Amino acid sequence: MTKKFLGLGAILAMMALSACETVQGAGRDLQTAGSVVQQESAEVQAGM
């Protein structure tokens, strides 16, 4: 599971670095990354 989060984080970091040209764009990218992490953690908690 940790590898899944690390892989996801690496992908999101690459997307953020390549896609965002402004501070506003970076904020949107970080918000999207946070949403993904929140969804994944909710799925993990539901499976416990």
N, C-alpha and C. Protein backbone atom coordinates (compact mmCIF):
# COMPACT_ATOMS: atom_id res chain seq x y z
N MET A 1 0.83 -1.19 0.00
CA MET A 1 0.00 0.00 0.00
C MET A 1 0.87 1.25 0.00
N THR A 2 1.95 1.22 0.77
CA THR A 2 2.84 2.37 0.81
C THR A 2 3.44 2.63 -0.57
N LYS A 3 3.77 1.57 -1.29
CA LYS A 3 4.31 1.73 -2.63
C LYS A 3 3.28 2.39 -3.55
N LYS A 4 2.01 2.08 -3.33
CA LYS A 4 0.94 2.66 -4.14
C LYS A 4 0.89 4.18 -3.91
N PHE A 5 0.98 4.59 -2.65
CA PHE A 5 0.95 6.02 -2.34
C PHE A 5 2.20 6.73 -2.86
N LEU A 6 3.35 6.07 -2.75
CA LEU A 6 4.58 6.67 -3.27
C LEU A 6 4.52 6.83 -4.78
N GLY A 7 4.02 5.81 -5.45
CA GLY A 7 3.88 5.89 -6.90
C GLY A 7 2.90 6.98 -7.30
N LEU A 8 1.80 7.05 -6.61
CA LEU A 8 0.80 8.07 -6.88
C LEU A 8 1.38 9.46 -6.62
N GLY A 9 2.12 9.59 -5.53
CA GLY A 9 2.75 10.88 -5.22
C GLY A 9 3.75 11.29 -6.27
N ALA A 10 4.52 10.34 -6.77
CA ALA A 10 5.51 10.64 -7.81
C ALA A 10 4.82 11.09 -9.09
N ILE A 11 3.76 10.41 -9.46
CA ILE A 11 3.02 10.78 -10.66
C ILE A 11 2.42 12.18 -10.51
N LEU A 12 1.82 12.43 -9.38
CA LEU A 12 1.22 13.75 -9.15
C LEU A 12 2.28 14.84 -9.12
N ALA A 13 3.44 14.54 -8.56
CA ALA A 13 4.51 15.53 -8.52
C ALA A 13 4.98 15.86 -9.94
N MET A 14 5.12 14.85 -10.77
CA MET A 14 5.54 15.09 -12.15
C MET A 14 4.49 15.91 -12.90
N MET A 15 3.22 15.57 -12.67
CA MET A 15 2.15 16.32 -13.33
C MET A 15 2.15 17.77 -12.86
N ALA A 16 2.34 17.98 -11.58
CA ALA A 16 2.33 19.33 -11.02
C ALA A 16 3.49 20.14 -11.58
N LEU A 17 4.65 19.52 -11.67
CA LEU A 17 5.82 20.24 -12.17
C LEU A 17 5.71 20.56 -13.65
N SER A 18 5.07 19.70 -14.40
CA SER A 18 4.98 19.92 -15.84
C SER A 18 3.77 20.75 -16.24
N ALA A 19 2.72 20.72 -15.45
CA ALA A 19 1.46 21.34 -15.87
C ALA A 19 1.24 22.73 -15.30
N CYS A 20 1.72 23.00 -14.12
CA CYS A 20 1.36 24.28 -13.51
C CYS A 20 2.40 25.34 -13.84
N GLU A 21 1.94 26.44 -14.37
CA GLU A 21 2.83 27.54 -14.72
C GLU A 21 2.63 28.73 -13.78
N THR A 22 1.60 28.69 -13.00
CA THR A 22 1.32 29.80 -12.08
C THR A 22 1.08 29.25 -10.68
N VAL A 23 1.07 30.12 -9.73
CA VAL A 23 0.78 29.73 -8.35
C VAL A 23 -0.64 29.20 -8.25
N GLN A 24 -1.55 29.79 -8.97
CA GLN A 24 -2.93 29.32 -8.96
C GLN A 24 -3.01 27.91 -9.52
N GLY A 25 -2.30 27.64 -10.59
CA GLY A 25 -2.27 26.31 -11.17
C GLY A 25 -1.68 25.30 -10.20
N ALA A 26 -0.64 25.71 -9.48
CA ALA A 26 -0.02 24.82 -8.49
C ALA A 26 -1.02 24.51 -7.38
N GLY A 27 -1.77 25.51 -6.97
CA GLY A 27 -2.79 25.29 -5.94
C GLY A 27 -3.84 24.29 -6.38
N ARG A 28 -4.26 24.39 -7.61
CA ARG A 28 -5.25 23.43 -8.14
C ARG A 28 -4.66 22.03 -8.19
N ASP A 29 -3.40 21.93 -8.60
CA ASP A 29 -2.76 20.61 -8.66
C ASP A 29 -2.65 20.01 -7.27
N LEU A 30 -2.28 20.80 -6.29
CA LEU A 30 -2.17 20.30 -4.92
C LEU A 30 -3.53 19.90 -4.37
N GLN A 31 -4.55 20.66 -4.72
CA GLN A 31 -5.90 20.34 -4.27
C GLN A 31 -6.35 19.00 -4.87
N THR A 32 -6.05 18.80 -6.14
CA THR A 32 -6.39 17.54 -6.79
C THR A 32 -5.65 16.38 -6.14
N ALA A 33 -4.37 16.58 -5.85
CA ALA A 33 -3.59 15.53 -5.20
C ALA A 33 -4.17 15.20 -3.83
N GLY A 34 -4.57 16.21 -3.08
CA GLY A 34 -5.18 15.99 -1.77
C GLY A 34 -6.48 15.21 -1.88
N SER A 35 -7.25 15.51 -2.89
CA SER A 35 -8.52 14.80 -3.10
C SER A 35 -8.27 13.32 -3.39
N VAL A 36 -7.25 13.04 -4.19
CA VAL A 36 -6.93 11.65 -4.52
C VAL A 36 -6.50 10.90 -3.27
N VAL A 37 -5.65 11.51 -2.47
CA VAL A 37 -5.18 10.87 -1.24
C VAL A 37 -6.35 10.65 -0.29
N GLN A 38 -7.24 11.62 -0.21
CA GLN A 38 -8.41 11.49 0.67
C GLN A 38 -9.30 10.33 0.21
N GLN A 39 -9.52 10.21 -1.08
CA GLN A 39 -10.34 9.11 -1.60
C GLN A 39 -9.69 7.76 -1.33
N GLU A 40 -8.39 7.68 -1.55
CA GLU A 40 -7.69 6.41 -1.31
C GLU A 40 -7.75 6.02 0.16
N SER A 41 -7.57 6.99 1.05
CA SER A 41 -7.61 6.67 2.47
C SER A 41 -9.02 6.25 2.90
N ALA A 42 -10.04 6.85 2.31
CA ALA A 42 -11.42 6.46 2.63
C ALA A 42 -11.68 5.02 2.18
N GLU A 43 -11.13 4.65 1.01
CA GLU A 43 -11.31 3.29 0.52
C GLU A 43 -10.60 2.28 1.44
N VAL A 44 -9.42 2.66 1.90
CA VAL A 44 -8.67 1.77 2.80
C VAL A 44 -9.42 1.60 4.11
N GLN A 45 -9.94 2.70 4.66
CA GLN A 45 -10.66 2.63 5.92
C GLN A 45 -11.94 1.81 5.77
N ALA A 46 -12.60 1.92 4.63
CA ALA A 46 -13.83 1.15 4.41
C ALA A 46 -13.54 -0.34 4.32
N GLY A 47 -12.33 -0.67 3.88
CA GLY A 47 -11.96 -2.07 3.75
C GLY A 47 -11.49 -2.71 5.04
N MET A 48 -11.31 -1.93 6.08
CA MET A 48 -10.81 -2.47 7.36
C MET A 48 -11.92 -3.11 8.15
